[in-house]
Amino acid sequence: MTKQDLRDFRNKSSEVRQLEEQIELLSKIGPKISNFDKILVDSGRGGSPVEQTVERLIYLKERYGVLIAEYLADRIRIEKAFELLTPNERTAMRYYYFDRLTWEETAEKMDKSTRYILSLHKWALIKLKNM
């Protein structure tokens, strides 16, 4: 496992959250329809605003389904890799990559210096790369 693998996971996590927010927003401001997925929508451009909203919501839900499956598979793989780390390394990595805290927030939460946390990260990456 490389640093790029972990960065990609963190980015995927952001994309999942953005899709969740977009779906929630469209569901709130869109038409008050109980089941968007069952509505037949004209596939051509120029549909009504309701049809466009429904099309967008269906697309976002489909994309979310694919992305969440990838995210969960990656998370399981990363969790297994993290088992090789020391408890402090594992905690720092989880805070940063899973909880999306900054290094400073991670240090504060662990009651350690940022420099120490960055050192943990460096050693954790070396271990993960060599696994």
C-alpha atoms as a PDB file:
ATOM      1  CA  MET A   1       0.000   0.000   0.000  1.00  0.00           C
ATOM      2  CA  THR A   2       1.387   3.371  -1.017  1.00  0.00           C
ATOM      3  CA  LYS A   3       0.845   6.953   0.033  1.00  0.00           C
ATOM      4  CA  GLN A   4      -0.963   7.493  -3.286  1.00  0.00           C
ATOM      5  CA  ASP A   5      -3.385   4.639  -2.473  1.00  0.00           C
ATOM      6  CA  LEU A   6      -4.217   6.370   0.792  1.00  0.00           C
ATOM      7  CA  ARG A   7      -4.575   9.772  -0.903  1.00  0.00           C
ATOM      8  CA  ASP A   8      -6.915   8.237  -3.469  1.00  0.00           C
ATOM      9  CA  PHE A   9      -8.982   6.759  -0.645  1.00  0.00           C
ATOM     10  CA  ARG A  10      -9.172  10.118   1.118  1.00  0.00           C
ATOM     11  CA  ASN A  11     -10.279  11.774  -2.141  1.00  0.00           C
ATOM     12  CA  LYS A  12     -12.884   9.068  -2.715  1.00  0.00           C
ATOM     13  CA  SER A  13     -14.181   9.745   0.785  1.00  0.00           C
ATOM     14  CA  SER A  14     -14.610  13.409  -0.141  1.00  0.00           C
ATOM     15  CA  GLU A  15     -16.438  12.509  -3.327  1.00  0.00           C
ATOM     16  CA  VAL A  16     -18.804  10.200  -1.402  1.00  0.00           C
ATOM     17  CA  ARG A  17     -19.635  13.016   1.018  1.00  0.00           C
ATOM     18  CA  GLN A  18     -20.185  15.491  -1.818  1.00  0.00           C
ATOM     19  CA  LEU A  19     -22.564  13.095  -3.568  1.00  0.00           C
ATOM     20  CA  GLU A  20     -24.468  12.571  -0.315  1.00  0.00           C
ATOM     21  CA  GLU A  21     -24.845  16.332   0.068  1.00  0.00           C
ATOM     22  CA  GLN A  22     -25.973  16.788  -3.543  1.00  0.00           C
ATOM     23  CA  ILE A  23     -28.528  13.977  -3.253  1.00  0.00           C
ATOM     24  CA  GLU A  24     -29.853  15.426  -0.009  1.00  0.00           C
ATOM     25  CA  LEU A  25     -30.085  18.919  -1.492  1.00  0.00           C
ATOM     26  CA  LEU A  26     -31.862  17.774  -4.649  1.00  0.00           C
ATOM     27  CA  SER A  27     -34.238  15.675  -2.581  1.00  0.00           C
ATOM     28  CA  LYS A  28     -35.120  18.712  -0.464  1.00  0.00           C
ATOM     29  CA  ILE A  29     -35.470  21.308  -3.220  1.00  0.00           C
ATOM     30  CA  GLY A  30     -36.722  18.977  -5.924  1.00  0.00           C
ATOM     31  CA  PRO A  31     -40.355  18.142  -6.487  1.00  0.00           C
ATOM     32  CA  LYS A  32     -42.160  16.379  -3.644  1.00  0.00           C
ATOM     33  CA  ILE A  33     -42.177  12.955  -5.276  1.00  0.00           C
ATOM     34  CA  SER A  34     -41.943   9.865  -3.099  1.00  0.00           C
ATOM     35  CA  ASN A  35     -39.906   7.676  -5.453  1.00  0.00           C
ATOM     36  CA  PHE A  36     -37.768   9.442  -8.073  1.00  0.00           C
ATOM     37  CA  ASP A  37     -36.328   6.203  -9.444  1.00  0.00           C
ATOM     38  CA  LYS A  38     -39.673   4.941 -10.772  1.00  0.00           C
ATOM     39  CA  ILE A  39     -40.485   8.026 -12.805  1.00  0.00           C
ATOM     40  CA  LEU A  40     -40.040   7.671 -16.529  1.00  0.00           C
ATOM     41  CA  VAL A  41     -38.031  10.591 -17.756  1.00  0.00           C
ATOM     42  CA  ASP A  42     -37.652  11.911 -21.282  1.00  0.00           C
ATOM     43  CA  SER A  43     -33.995  11.270 -22.128  1.00  0.00           C
ATOM     44  CA  GLY A  44     -33.710  14.209 -24.527  1.00  0.00           C
ATOM     45  CA  ARG A  45     -32.620  17.705 -23.607  1.00  0.00           C
ATOM     46  CA  GLY A  46     -35.179  20.340 -23.056  1.00  0.00           C
ATOM     47  CA  GLY A  47     -37.220  18.397 -20.522  1.00  0.00           C
ATOM     48  CA  SER A  48     -39.075  20.217 -17.815  1.00  0.00           C
ATOM     49  CA  PRO A  49     -37.214  21.344 -14.708  1.00  0.00           C
ATOM     50  CA  VAL A  50     -38.880  18.498 -12.813  1.00  0.00           C
ATOM     51  CA  GLU A  51     -37.624  15.955 -15.351  1.00  0.00           C
ATOM     52  CA  GLN A  52     -34.131  17.436 -15.273  1.00  0.00           C
ATOM     53  CA  THR A  53     -34.102  17.287 -11.477  1.00  0.00           C
ATOM     54  CA  VAL A  54     -35.255  13.679 -11.513  1.00  0.00           C
ATOM     55  CA  GLU A  55     -32.640  12.749 -14.137  1.00  0.00           C
ATOM     56  CA  ARG A  56     -29.898  14.394 -12.097  1.00  0.00           C
ATOM     57  CA  LEU A  57     -31.029  12.686  -8.907  1.00  0.00           C
ATOM     58  CA  ILE A  58     -31.144   9.266 -10.583  1.00  0.00           C
ATOM     59  CA  TYR A  59     -27.643   9.806 -11.983  1.00  0.00           C
ATOM     60  CA  LEU A  60     -26.293  10.894  -8.593  1.00  0.00           C
ATOM     61  CA  LYS A  61     -27.843   7.881  -6.838  1.00  0.00           C
ATOM     62  CA  GLU A  62     -26.361   5.489  -9.408  1.00  0.00           C
ATOM     63  CA  ARG A  63     -22.927   7.112  -9.126  1.00  0.00           C
ATOM     64  CA  TYR A  64     -23.191   7.017  -5.344  1.00  0.00           C
ATOM     65  CA  GLY A  65     -23.976   3.281  -5.405  1.00  0.00           C
ATOM     66  CA  VAL A  66     -20.878   2.520  -7.462  1.00  0.00           C
ATOM     67  CA  LEU A  67     -18.630   4.839  -5.490  1.00  0.00           C
ATOM     68  CA  ILE A  68     -19.760   3.640  -2.046  1.00  0.00           C
ATOM     69  CA  ALA A  69     -19.091   0.017  -3.048  1.00  0.00           C
ATOM     70  CA  GLU A  70     -15.544   0.953  -4.123  1.00  0.00           C
ATOM     71  CA  TYR A  71     -15.055   3.041  -0.973  1.00  0.00           C
ATOM     72  CA  LEU A  72     -16.111   0.212   1.339  1.00  0.00           C
ATOM     73  CA  ALA A  73     -13.891  -2.337  -0.447  1.00  0.00           C
ATOM     74  CA  ASP A  74     -10.932   0.051  -0.188  1.00  0.00           C
ATOM     75  CA  ARG A  75     -11.641   0.754   3.478  1.00  0.00           C
ATOM     76  CA  ILE A  76     -11.653  -2.951   4.328  1.00  0.00           C
ATOM     77  CA  ARG A  77      -8.343  -3.418   2.485  1.00  0.00           C
ATOM     78  CA  ILE A  78      -6.795  -0.432   4.257  1.00  0.00           C
ATOM     79  CA  GLU A  79      -8.097  -1.522   7.679  1.00  0.00           C
ATOM     80  CA  LYS A  80      -6.414  -4.906   7.183  1.00  0.00           C
ATOM     81  CA  ALA A  81      -3.154  -3.188   6.258  1.00  0.00           C
ATOM     82  CA  PHE A  82      -3.393  -0.916   9.303  1.00  0.00           C
ATOM     83  CA  GLU A  83      -3.416  -4.004  11.546  1.00  0.00           C
ATOM     84  CA  LEU A  84       0.357  -4.213  10.933  1.00  0.00           C
ATOM     85  CA  LEU A  85       0.933  -0.822  12.535  1.00  0.00           C
ATOM     86  CA  THR A  86       1.520   0.105  16.152  1.00  0.00           C
ATOM     87  CA  PRO A  87      -1.538   1.393  18.042  1.00  0.00           C
ATOM     88  CA  ASN A  88      -0.345   5.023  17.804  1.00  0.00           C
ATOM     89  CA  GLU A  89       0.432   4.727  14.080  1.00  0.00           C
ATOM     90  CA  ARG A  90      -2.937   3.091  13.450  1.00  0.00           C
ATOM     91  CA  THR A  91      -4.802   5.775  15.397  1.00  0.00           C
ATOM     92  CA  ALA A  92      -3.035   8.624  13.587  1.00  0.00           C
ATOM     93  CA  MET A  93      -3.660   7.044  10.189  1.00  0.00           C
ATOM     94  CA  ARG A  94      -7.337   6.446  10.954  1.00  0.00           C
ATOM     95  CA  TYR A  95      -7.873  10.006  12.146  1.00  0.00           C
ATOM     96  CA  TYR A  96      -6.275  11.414   9.019  1.00  0.00           C
ATOM     97  CA  TYR A  97      -7.495   9.039   6.320  1.00  0.00           C
ATOM     98  CA  PHE A  98     -10.847   7.863   7.704  1.00  0.00           C
ATOM     99  CA  ASP A  99     -12.019  10.762   9.875  1.00  0.00           C
ATOM    100  CA  ARG A 100     -10.412  13.347   7.567  1.00  0.00           C
ATOM    101  CA  LEU A 101      -8.813  15.328  10.384  1.00  0.00           C
ATOM    102  CA  THR A 102      -5.815  17.522   9.651  1.00  0.00           C
ATOM    103  CA  TRP A 103      -2.438  16.533  11.077  1.00  0.00           C
ATOM    104  CA  GLU A 104      -2.792  19.328  13.627  1.00  0.00           C
ATOM    105  CA  GLU A 105      -6.249  18.093  14.693  1.00  0.00           C
ATOM    106  CA  THR A 106      -4.917  14.538  14.885  1.00  0.00           C
ATOM    107  CA  ALA A 107      -2.046  15.676  17.102  1.00  0.00           C
ATOM    108  CA  GLU A 108      -4.401  17.572  19.367  1.00  0.00           C
ATOM    109  CA  LYS A 109      -6.797  14.649  19.638  1.00  0.00           C
ATOM    110  CA  MET A 110      -3.936  12.270  20.459  1.00  0.00           C
ATOM    111  CA  ASP A 111      -2.317  14.804  22.835  1.00  0.00           C
ATOM    112  CA  LYS A 112       0.950  14.669  20.875  1.00  0.00           C
ATOM    113  CA  SER A 113       2.949  17.169  18.846  1.00  0.00           C
ATOM    114  CA  THR A 114       2.285  17.571  15.147  1.00  0.00           C
ATOM    115  CA  ARG A 115       5.913  16.718  14.487  1.00  0.00           C
ATOM    116  CA  TYR A 116       5.486  13.400  16.335  1.00  0.00           C
ATOM    117  CA  ILE A 117       2.303  12.602  14.378  1.00  0.00           C
ATOM    118  CA  LEU A 118       4.052  13.312  11.070  1.00  0.00           C
ATOM    119  CA  SER A 119       6.860  11.011  12.161  1.00  0.00           C
ATOM    120  CA  LEU A 120       4.307   8.276  12.935  1.00  0.00           C
ATOM    121  CA  HIS A 121       2.830   8.801   9.488  1.00  0.00           C
ATOM    122  CA  LYS A 122       6.237   8.494   7.830  1.00  0.00           C
ATOM    123  CA  TRP A 123       7.043   5.223   9.609  1.00  0.00           C
ATOM    124  CA  ALA A 124       3.562   3.854   8.994  1.00  0.00           C
ATOM    125  CA  LEU A 125       3.924   4.524   5.251  1.00  0.00           C
ATOM    126  CA  ILE A 126       7.269   2.703   5.211  1.00  0.00           C
ATOM    127  CA  LYS A 127       5.717  -0.319   6.908  1.00  0.00           C
ATOM    128  CA  LEU A 128       2.688  -0.312   4.595  1.00  0.00           C
ATOM    129  CA  LYS A 129       4.842   0.004   1.492  1.00  0.00           C
ATOM    130  CA  ASN A 130       6.951  -2.986   2.530  1.00  0.00           C
ATOM    131  CA  MET A 131       4.034  -5.263   3.304  1.00  0.00           C
END
